[in-house]
């Protein structure tokens, strides 16, 4: 099963969009981002440089995933995630704030 990238999505250089992932309309995916297998990014999602969206995660429309942020496997993101944060769970909560890992 291949990835699906919908109309108007902008994908920068050095991005991995894994098997079964969906990047919906008008998404903005910055450099060095990794979208894991089976992830679903709704319309107008922005994923900033160096972020990792782990396997099976879901990102609600019109949200931003910050630079170098990590979304844990299977998380459902309903709010913006700041730069450098680790977020996990359903709904996703920040488990390590900006600047720590």
C-alpha atoms as a PDB file:
ATOM      1  CA  UNK A   1       0.000   0.000   0.000  1.00  0.00           C
ATOM      2  CA  UNK A   2       1.537   3.292  -1.096  1.00  0.00           C
ATOM      3  CA  UNK A   3       1.396   6.711   0.476  1.00  0.00           C
ATOM      4  CA  UNK A   4      -1.239   9.232  -0.594  1.00  0.00           C
ATOM      5  CA  UNK A   5      -0.303  12.882  -1.083  1.00  0.00           C
ATOM      6  CA  UNK A   6      -3.309  15.042  -1.934  1.00  0.00           C
ATOM      7  CA  UNK A   7      -3.650  18.139  -4.064  1.00  0.00           C
ATOM      8  CA  UNK A   8      -1.917  21.313  -2.994  1.00  0.00           C
ATOM      9  CA  UNK A   9       0.420  19.601  -0.518  1.00  0.00           C
ATOM     10  CA  UNK A  10       3.958  20.988  -0.473  1.00  0.00           C
ATOM     11  CA  UNK A  11       6.692  18.500   0.343  1.00  0.00           C
ATOM     12  CA  UNK A  12      10.218  19.871   0.897  1.00  0.00           C
ATOM     13  CA  UNK A  13      13.540  18.094   0.256  1.00  0.00           C
ATOM     14  CA  UNK A  14      14.762  15.096   2.245  1.00  0.00           C
ATOM     15  CA  UNK A  15      11.313  14.060   3.519  1.00  0.00           C
ATOM     16  CA  UNK A  16      10.259  10.471   4.181  1.00  0.00           C
ATOM     17  CA  UNK A  17       6.573   9.661   3.767  1.00  0.00           C
ATOM     18  CA  UNK A  18       6.225   6.000   4.651  1.00  0.00           C
ATOM     19  CA  UNK A  19       3.932   3.238   3.462  1.00  0.00           C
ATOM     20  CA  UNK A  20       0.228   3.869   3.927  1.00  0.00           C
ATOM     21  CA  UNK A  21       0.645   7.451   5.128  1.00  0.00           C
ATOM     22  CA  UNK A  22      -1.841  10.113   4.042  1.00  0.00           C
ATOM     23  CA  UNK A  23      -0.863  13.766   3.633  1.00  0.00           C
ATOM     24  CA  UNK A  24      -4.059  15.631   2.845  1.00  0.00           C
ATOM     25  CA  UNK A  25      -4.751  18.830   0.909  1.00  0.00           C
ATOM     26  CA  UNK A  26      -2.637  21.952   1.346  1.00  0.00           C
ATOM     27  CA  UNK A  27      -0.318  20.373   3.926  1.00  0.00           C
ATOM     28  CA  UNK A  28       3.122  21.942   4.334  1.00  0.00           C
ATOM     29  CA  UNK A  29       5.899  19.457   5.075  1.00  0.00           C
ATOM     30  CA  UNK A  30       9.311  21.053   5.737  1.00  0.00           C
ATOM     31  CA  UNK A  31      12.815  19.650   5.184  1.00  0.00           C
ATOM     32  CA  UNK A  32      14.047  16.537   7.009  1.00  0.00           C
ATOM     33  CA  UNK A  33      10.588  15.447   8.233  1.00  0.00           C
ATOM     34  CA  UNK A  34       9.724  11.778   8.723  1.00  0.00           C
ATOM     35  CA  UNK A  35       6.075  10.726   8.435  1.00  0.00           C
ATOM     36  CA  UNK A  36       5.780   7.156   9.724  1.00  0.00           C
ATOM     37  CA  UNK A  37       3.798   4.277   8.233  1.00  0.00           C
ATOM     38  CA  UNK A  38       0.029   4.589   8.450  1.00  0.00           C
ATOM     39  CA  UNK A  39      -0.037   8.208   9.635  1.00  0.00           C
ATOM     40  CA  UNK A  40      -2.919  10.481   8.641  1.00  0.00           C
ATOM     41  CA  UNK A  41      -2.371  14.217   8.334  1.00  0.00           C
ATOM     42  CA  UNK A  42      -5.582  16.136   7.674  1.00  0.00           C
ATOM     43  CA  UNK A  43      -5.863  19.201   5.474  1.00  0.00           C
ATOM     44  CA  UNK A  44      -3.686  22.272   6.024  1.00  0.00           C
ATOM     45  CA  UNK A  45      -1.396  20.586   8.551  1.00  0.00           C
ATOM     46  CA  UNK A  46       2.071  22.111   8.830  1.00  0.00           C
ATOM     47  CA  UNK A  47       4.991  19.941   9.919  1.00  0.00           C
ATOM     48  CA  UNK A  48       8.116  21.977  10.543  1.00  0.00           C
ATOM     49  CA  UNK A  49      11.743  21.078   9.857  1.00  0.00           C
ATOM     50  CA  UNK A  50      13.126  17.900  11.415  1.00  0.00           C
ATOM     51  CA  UNK A  51       9.883  16.715  13.033  1.00  0.00           C
ATOM     52  CA  UNK A  52       9.016  13.034  13.411  1.00  0.00           C
ATOM     53  CA  UNK A  53       5.430  11.780  13.237  1.00  0.00           C
ATOM     54  CA  UNK A  54       5.613   8.159  14.377  1.00  0.00           C
ATOM     55  CA  UNK A  55       3.687   5.168  13.048  1.00  0.00           C
ATOM     56  CA  UNK A  56      -0.111   5.295  13.105  1.00  0.00           C
ATOM     57  CA  UNK A  57      -0.438   8.861  14.383  1.00  0.00           C
ATOM     58  CA  UNK A  58      -3.312  11.127  13.372  1.00  0.00           C
ATOM     59  CA  UNK A  59      -3.012  14.914  13.077  1.00  0.00           C
ATOM     60  CA  UNK A  60      -6.233  16.989  13.016  1.00  0.00           C
ATOM     61  CA  UNK A  61      -6.671  19.659  10.322  1.00  0.00           C
ATOM     62  CA  UNK A  62      -5.152  23.158  10.544  1.00  0.00           C
ATOM     63  CA  UNK A  63      -2.523  22.234  13.152  1.00  0.00           C
ATOM     64  CA  UNK A  64       1.224  22.826  13.330  1.00  0.00           C
ATOM     65  CA  UNK A  65       3.819  20.315  14.485  1.00  0.00           C
ATOM     66  CA  UNK A  66       6.862  22.310  15.596  1.00  0.00           C
ATOM     67  CA  UNK A  67      10.450  22.073  14.461  1.00  0.00           C
ATOM     68  CA  UNK A  68      12.203  18.921  15.760  1.00  0.00           C
ATOM     69  CA  UNK A  69       9.027  17.854  17.596  1.00  0.00           C
ATOM     70  CA  UNK A  70       8.252  14.155  18.024  1.00  0.00           C
ATOM     71  CA  UNK A  71       4.782  12.650  17.906  1.00  0.00           C
ATOM     72  CA  UNK A  72       4.766   9.234  19.597  1.00  0.00           C
ATOM     73  CA  UNK A  73       3.363   6.167  17.843  1.00  0.00           C
ATOM     74  CA  UNK A  74      -0.424   5.944  17.725  1.00  0.00           C
ATOM     75  CA  UNK A  75      -1.035   9.442  19.044  1.00  0.00           C
ATOM     76  CA  UNK A  76      -3.985  11.596  18.063  1.00  0.00           C
ATOM     77  CA  UNK A  77      -3.000  15.260  17.894  1.00  0.00           C
ATOM     78  CA  UNK A  78      -5.791  17.795  18.475  1.00  0.00           C
ATOM     79  CA  UNK A  79      -3.679  20.879  19.335  1.00  0.00           C
ATOM     80  CA  UNK A  80      -0.536  22.529  17.970  1.00  0.00           C
ATOM     81  CA  UNK A  81       2.717  20.978  19.204  1.00  0.00           C
ATOM     82  CA  UNK A  82       5.581  23.417  19.924  1.00  0.00           C
ATOM     83  CA  UNK A  83       9.157  23.197  18.652  1.00  0.00           C
ATOM     84  CA  UNK A  84      11.231  20.446  20.266  1.00  0.00           C
ATOM     85  CA  UNK A  85       8.368  18.870  22.225  1.00  0.00           C
ATOM     86  CA  UNK A  86       7.536  15.180  22.590  1.00  0.00           C
ATOM     87  CA  UNK A  87       3.789  14.518  22.488  1.00  0.00           C
ATOM     88  CA  UNK A  88       2.005  11.222  23.045  1.00  0.00           C
ATOM     89  CA  UNK A  89      -1.370   9.716  23.786  1.00  0.00           C
ATOM     90  CA  UNK A  90      -5.025  10.033  22.860  1.00  0.00           C
ATOM     91  CA  UNK A  91      -5.428  12.932  22.782  1.00  0.00           C
ATOM     92  CA  UNK A  92      -1.736  13.768  22.514  1.00  0.00           C
ATOM     93  CA  UNK A  93      -0.247  15.644  25.458  1.00  0.00           C
ATOM     94  CA  UNK A  94       3.237  17.078  25.748  1.00  0.00           C
ATOM     95  CA  UNK A  95       5.281  14.622  27.814  1.00  0.00           C
ATOM     96  CA  UNK A  96       8.595  16.462  27.429  1.00  0.00           C
ATOM     97  CA  UNK A  97       8.406  20.223  26.970  1.00  0.00           C
ATOM     98  CA  UNK A  98      10.355  22.303  24.523  1.00  0.00           C
ATOM     99  CA  UNK A  99      14.120  21.990  24.812  1.00  0.00           C
ATOM    100  CA  UNK A 100      14.210  18.655  26.683  1.00  0.00           C
ATOM    101  CA  UNK A 101      14.269  15.076  25.508  1.00  0.00           C
END
